[in-house]
Amino acid sequence: MTQAIKQITKTDYNRHKFFIILLAVFCALVASYLYFFGVMIINMVEWRGASGELRTLSAKAQELEGEYFRFSSLLSIEKARELGFVDQDKEEFTLSDSASLFARR
């Protein structure tokens, strides 16, 4: 009789332990699901913001390219001479040691 009681008590204890472990695993899975779902939503919101900024910057770049082409079409050698620029008789170049430039700072 006492053996049967011990066996039942041991079985109940094992069931209780198994239930606690199962509950802990379930809670860990729910917590990880909530964490990854939250991270996914945050990333989607940031991506939409970056996408809008990319569209804005793309439009700005297109506008600046249009200005560049408009200004470059206005420039010519004749226009430069008209503004007072003159042809240089002799080309001059300046060479410097890059190490000395860093040493001066």
Protein backbone atom coordinates (compact mmCIF):
# COMPACT_ATOMS: atom_id res chain seq x y z
CA MET A 1 0.00 0.00 0.00
CA THR A 2 2.73 2.45 0.87
CA GLN A 3 4.51 1.56 -2.34
CA ALA A 4 1.42 2.49 -4.34
CA ILE A 5 1.12 5.83 -2.50
CA LYS A 6 4.78 6.57 -3.13
CA GLN A 7 4.33 5.71 -6.80
CA ILE A 8 1.29 8.00 -7.13
CA THR A 9 3.09 10.83 -5.28
CA LYS A 10 6.13 10.40 -7.52
CA THR A 11 3.95 10.44 -10.63
CA ASP A 12 2.15 13.59 -9.47
CA TYR A 13 5.49 15.24 -8.73
CA ASN A 14 6.78 14.37 -12.23
CA ARG A 15 3.59 15.70 -13.82
CA HIS A 16 3.87 18.90 -11.81
CA LYS A 17 7.52 19.31 -12.82
CA PHE A 18 6.69 18.61 -16.46
CA PHE A 19 3.85 21.16 -16.34
CA ILE A 20 6.14 23.83 -14.86
CA ILE A 21 8.77 23.20 -17.54
CA LEU A 22 6.13 23.27 -20.28
CA LEU A 23 4.71 26.52 -18.89
CA ALA A 24 8.20 28.10 -18.78
CA VAL A 25 8.89 27.09 -22.40
CA PHE A 26 5.52 28.47 -23.47
CA CYS A 27 6.19 31.79 -21.69
CA ALA A 28 9.65 32.00 -23.30
CA LEU A 29 8.14 31.39 -26.74
CA VAL A 30 5.44 34.04 -26.21
CA ALA A 31 8.04 36.54 -24.96
CA SER A 32 10.32 35.89 -27.94
CA TYR A 33 7.35 36.20 -30.32
CA LEU A 34 6.39 39.56 -28.82
CA TYR A 35 10.00 40.77 -28.94
CA PHE A 36 10.57 39.81 -32.59
CA PHE A 37 7.16 41.14 -33.63
CA GLY A 38 7.99 44.47 -31.96
CA VAL A 39 11.38 44.63 -33.64
CA MET A 40 9.76 43.88 -36.99
CA ILE A 41 7.25 46.72 -36.56
CA ILE A 42 9.99 49.16 -35.53
CA ASN A 43 12.06 48.19 -38.58
CA MET A 44 9.07 48.67 -40.88
CA VAL A 45 8.42 52.15 -39.49
CA GLU A 46 12.09 53.11 -39.88
CA TRP A 47 12.14 51.69 -43.42
CA ARG A 48 9.13 53.78 -44.40
CA GLY A 49 10.79 56.89 -42.98
CA ALA A 50 14.02 56.12 -44.83
CA SER A 51 12.06 55.44 -48.01
CA GLY A 52 10.39 58.85 -47.79
CA GLU A 53 13.73 60.53 -47.16
CA LEU A 54 15.22 58.68 -50.13
CA ARG A 55 12.43 59.96 -52.38
CA THR A 56 13.05 63.52 -51.14
CA LEU A 57 16.79 63.27 -51.71
CA SER A 58 16.28 61.72 -55.13
CA ALA A 59 14.03 64.61 -56.17
CA LYS A 60 16.60 67.10 -54.83
CA ALA A 61 19.40 65.37 -56.76
CA GLN A 62 17.31 65.48 -59.93
CA GLU A 63 16.68 69.19 -59.41
CA LEU A 64 20.39 69.87 -58.84
CA GLU A 65 21.33 67.91 -61.97
CA GLY A 66 18.89 70.01 -63.97
CA GLU A 67 20.47 73.20 -62.61
CA TYR A 68 23.94 71.87 -63.43
CA PHE A 69 23.00 71.15 -67.05
CA ARG A 70 21.29 74.51 -67.37
CA PHE A 71 24.35 76.37 -66.05
CA SER A 72 26.80 74.28 -68.06
CA SER A 73 24.91 75.10 -71.24
CA LEU A 74 25.38 78.81 -70.46
CA LEU A 75 29.17 78.51 -70.15
CA SER A 76 31.43 78.78 -73.14
CA ILE A 77 34.86 80.16 -74.02
CA GLU A 78 33.29 83.24 -75.57
CA LYS A 79 31.25 83.90 -72.42
CA ALA A 80 34.38 83.52 -70.26
CA ARG A 81 36.29 86.05 -72.39
CA GLU A 82 33.29 88.35 -72.21
CA LEU A 83 33.43 88.18 -68.41
CA GLY A 84 37.13 89.09 -68.37
CA PHE A 85 38.92 85.78 -68.30
CA VAL A 86 42.06 85.63 -70.42
CA ASP A 87 44.06 82.78 -71.90
CA GLN A 88 47.17 81.95 -69.95
CA ASP A 89 50.44 82.14 -71.88
CA LYS A 90 52.32 79.60 -69.86
CA GLU A 91 50.87 76.84 -67.74
CA GLU A 92 52.16 76.73 -64.17
CA PHE A 93 51.84 73.87 -61.75
CA THR A 94 52.52 73.75 -58.05
CA LEU A 95 53.82 70.61 -56.42
CA SER A 96 54.06 70.11 -52.71
CA ASP A 97 55.05 67.33 -50.44
CA SER A 98 51.94 65.95 -48.77
CA ALA A 99 53.94 65.06 -45.65
CA SER A 100 54.92 68.71 -45.19
CA LEU A 101 51.26 69.73 -45.44
CA PHE A 102 50.39 67.45 -42.56
CA ALA A 103 53.38 68.62 -40.55
CA ARG A 104 52.21 72.26 -40.73
CA ARG A 105 48.88 71.60 -39.09
